[in-house]
Amino acid sequence: MAFNAQENISYIEKQLAYFMFMVGLDPESLDSVTIDELLSAARSLSKVDRENSSAFYINETQNSIFAGTPEDVFLKHQRMFLILNIRRFWYWRQLAIGALNRE
């Protein structure tokens, strides 16, 4: 099966628009937003208040690995996976745009 950059970019842009909506950006502005703006918006989600956290998870050397409740840990990991997927789809979009420009 041959690579179809147009179908690929359509799918990728739908996913990026969904991520933009999730972080509070306008999905219609995909062509004008930068990866830095998108990642900054994603990083601002669910920040953990380490000063007022009620639990600490300690490793064997007694260093705090992560301060927070299990809910905080879950939200932190959700945010990390969101950022990972934004980076992945942004890279795939650049590859598809490059393939379209070569045609």
Protein backbone atom coordinates (compact mmCIF):
# COMPACT_ATOMS: atom_id res chain seq x y z
CA MET A 1 0.00 0.00 0.00
CA ALA A 2 1.44 3.36 -1.03
CA PHE A 3 1.81 6.26 1.38
CA ASN A 4 -0.89 8.86 0.87
CA ALA A 5 0.35 12.09 2.45
CA GLN A 6 -2.95 13.91 1.93
CA GLU A 7 -4.97 11.31 3.86
CA ASN A 8 -2.27 11.12 6.48
CA ILE A 9 -2.14 14.88 7.06
CA SER A 10 -5.93 15.03 7.28
CA TYR A 11 -5.92 12.49 10.12
CA ILE A 12 -2.96 14.14 11.86
CA GLU A 13 -4.54 17.60 11.73
CA LYS A 14 -7.78 16.25 13.21
CA GLN A 15 -5.80 14.81 16.11
CA LEU A 16 -3.84 18.04 16.62
CA ALA A 17 -7.07 20.05 16.52
CA TYR A 18 -8.47 17.77 19.24
CA PHE A 19 -5.35 18.32 21.37
CA MET A 20 -5.59 22.07 20.81
CA PHE A 21 -9.19 22.02 21.99
CA MET A 22 -8.16 20.02 25.08
CA VAL A 23 -5.56 22.60 26.12
CA GLY A 24 -7.80 25.60 25.46
CA LEU A 25 -6.48 26.80 22.10
CA ASP A 26 -8.58 27.49 19.03
CA PRO A 27 -8.43 24.41 16.75
CA GLU A 28 -9.02 26.64 13.71
CA SER A 29 -5.65 28.32 14.30
CA LEU A 30 -3.59 25.19 13.68
CA ASP A 31 -1.69 26.82 10.81
CA SER A 32 -0.67 29.83 12.93
CA VAL A 33 0.16 28.14 16.25
CA THR A 34 3.70 27.02 17.04
CA ILE A 35 4.74 23.83 18.77
CA ASP A 36 6.06 25.93 21.67
CA GLU A 37 2.66 27.58 22.23
CA LEU A 38 0.91 24.24 22.08
CA LEU A 39 3.31 22.58 24.51
CA SER A 40 3.21 25.56 26.87
CA ALA A 41 -0.59 25.33 27.01
CA ALA A 42 -0.37 21.58 27.67
CA ARG A 43 2.23 22.04 30.40
CA SER A 44 -0.01 24.49 32.23
CA LEU A 45 -2.62 21.78 32.80
CA SER A 46 -2.94 20.10 36.22
CA LYS A 47 0.08 21.52 37.94
CA VAL A 48 0.69 19.90 41.31
CA ASP A 49 1.00 22.11 44.39
CA ARG A 50 4.01 20.46 46.02
CA GLU A 51 4.05 22.82 49.00
CA ASN A 52 0.56 21.95 50.19
CA SER A 53 0.51 18.32 49.13
CA SER A 54 -0.65 15.79 51.68
CA ALA A 55 1.51 12.82 50.69
CA PHE A 56 5.10 12.12 49.74
CA TYR A 57 6.34 9.06 47.91
CA ILE A 58 9.84 8.22 49.13
CA ASN A 59 12.41 5.96 47.50
CA GLU A 60 14.98 3.79 49.29
CA THR A 61 17.46 6.68 49.65
CA GLN A 62 14.80 8.76 51.40
CA ASN A 63 14.62 11.30 48.58
CA SER A 64 11.20 12.51 47.60
CA ILE A 65 10.38 11.08 44.17
CA PHE A 66 7.08 12.86 43.83
CA ALA A 67 5.01 14.88 46.24
CA GLY A 68 1.32 14.45 45.84
CA THR A 69 -1.66 12.24 46.23
CA PRO A 70 -2.34 9.34 43.87
CA GLU A 71 -4.73 11.66 42.04
CA ASP A 72 -1.91 14.16 41.52
CA VAL A 73 0.33 11.41 40.15
CA PHE A 74 -2.42 10.31 37.74
CA LEU A 75 -2.98 13.85 36.46
CA LYS A 76 0.75 14.41 36.06
CA HIS A 77 1.06 11.27 33.95
CA GLN A 78 -1.97 12.19 31.85
CA ARG A 79 -0.34 15.54 31.11
CA MET A 80 2.95 13.84 30.23
CA PHE A 81 1.21 11.53 27.74
CA LEU A 82 -0.66 14.47 26.25
CA ILE A 83 2.63 16.30 25.68
CA LEU A 84 4.19 13.17 24.21
CA ASN A 85 1.32 12.75 21.74
CA ILE A 86 1.36 16.43 20.78
CA ARG A 87 5.06 16.14 19.95
CA ARG A 88 4.49 12.91 18.03
CA PHE A 89 1.63 14.25 15.89
CA TRP A 90 3.44 17.55 15.29
CA TYR A 91 6.47 15.62 13.96
CA TRP A 92 4.25 13.42 11.78
CA ARG A 93 2.54 16.54 10.44
CA GLN A 94 5.89 18.03 9.44
CA LEU A 95 6.80 14.79 7.65
CA ALA A 96 3.48 14.74 5.78
CA ILE A 97 3.82 18.41 4.80
CA GLY A 98 7.31 17.67 3.49
CA ALA A 99 5.98 14.73 1.46
CA LEU A 100 3.22 16.92 0.00
CA ASN A 101 5.75 19.58 -0.98
CA ARG A 102 7.83 16.99 -2.82
CA GLU A 103 4.90 15.86 -4.98
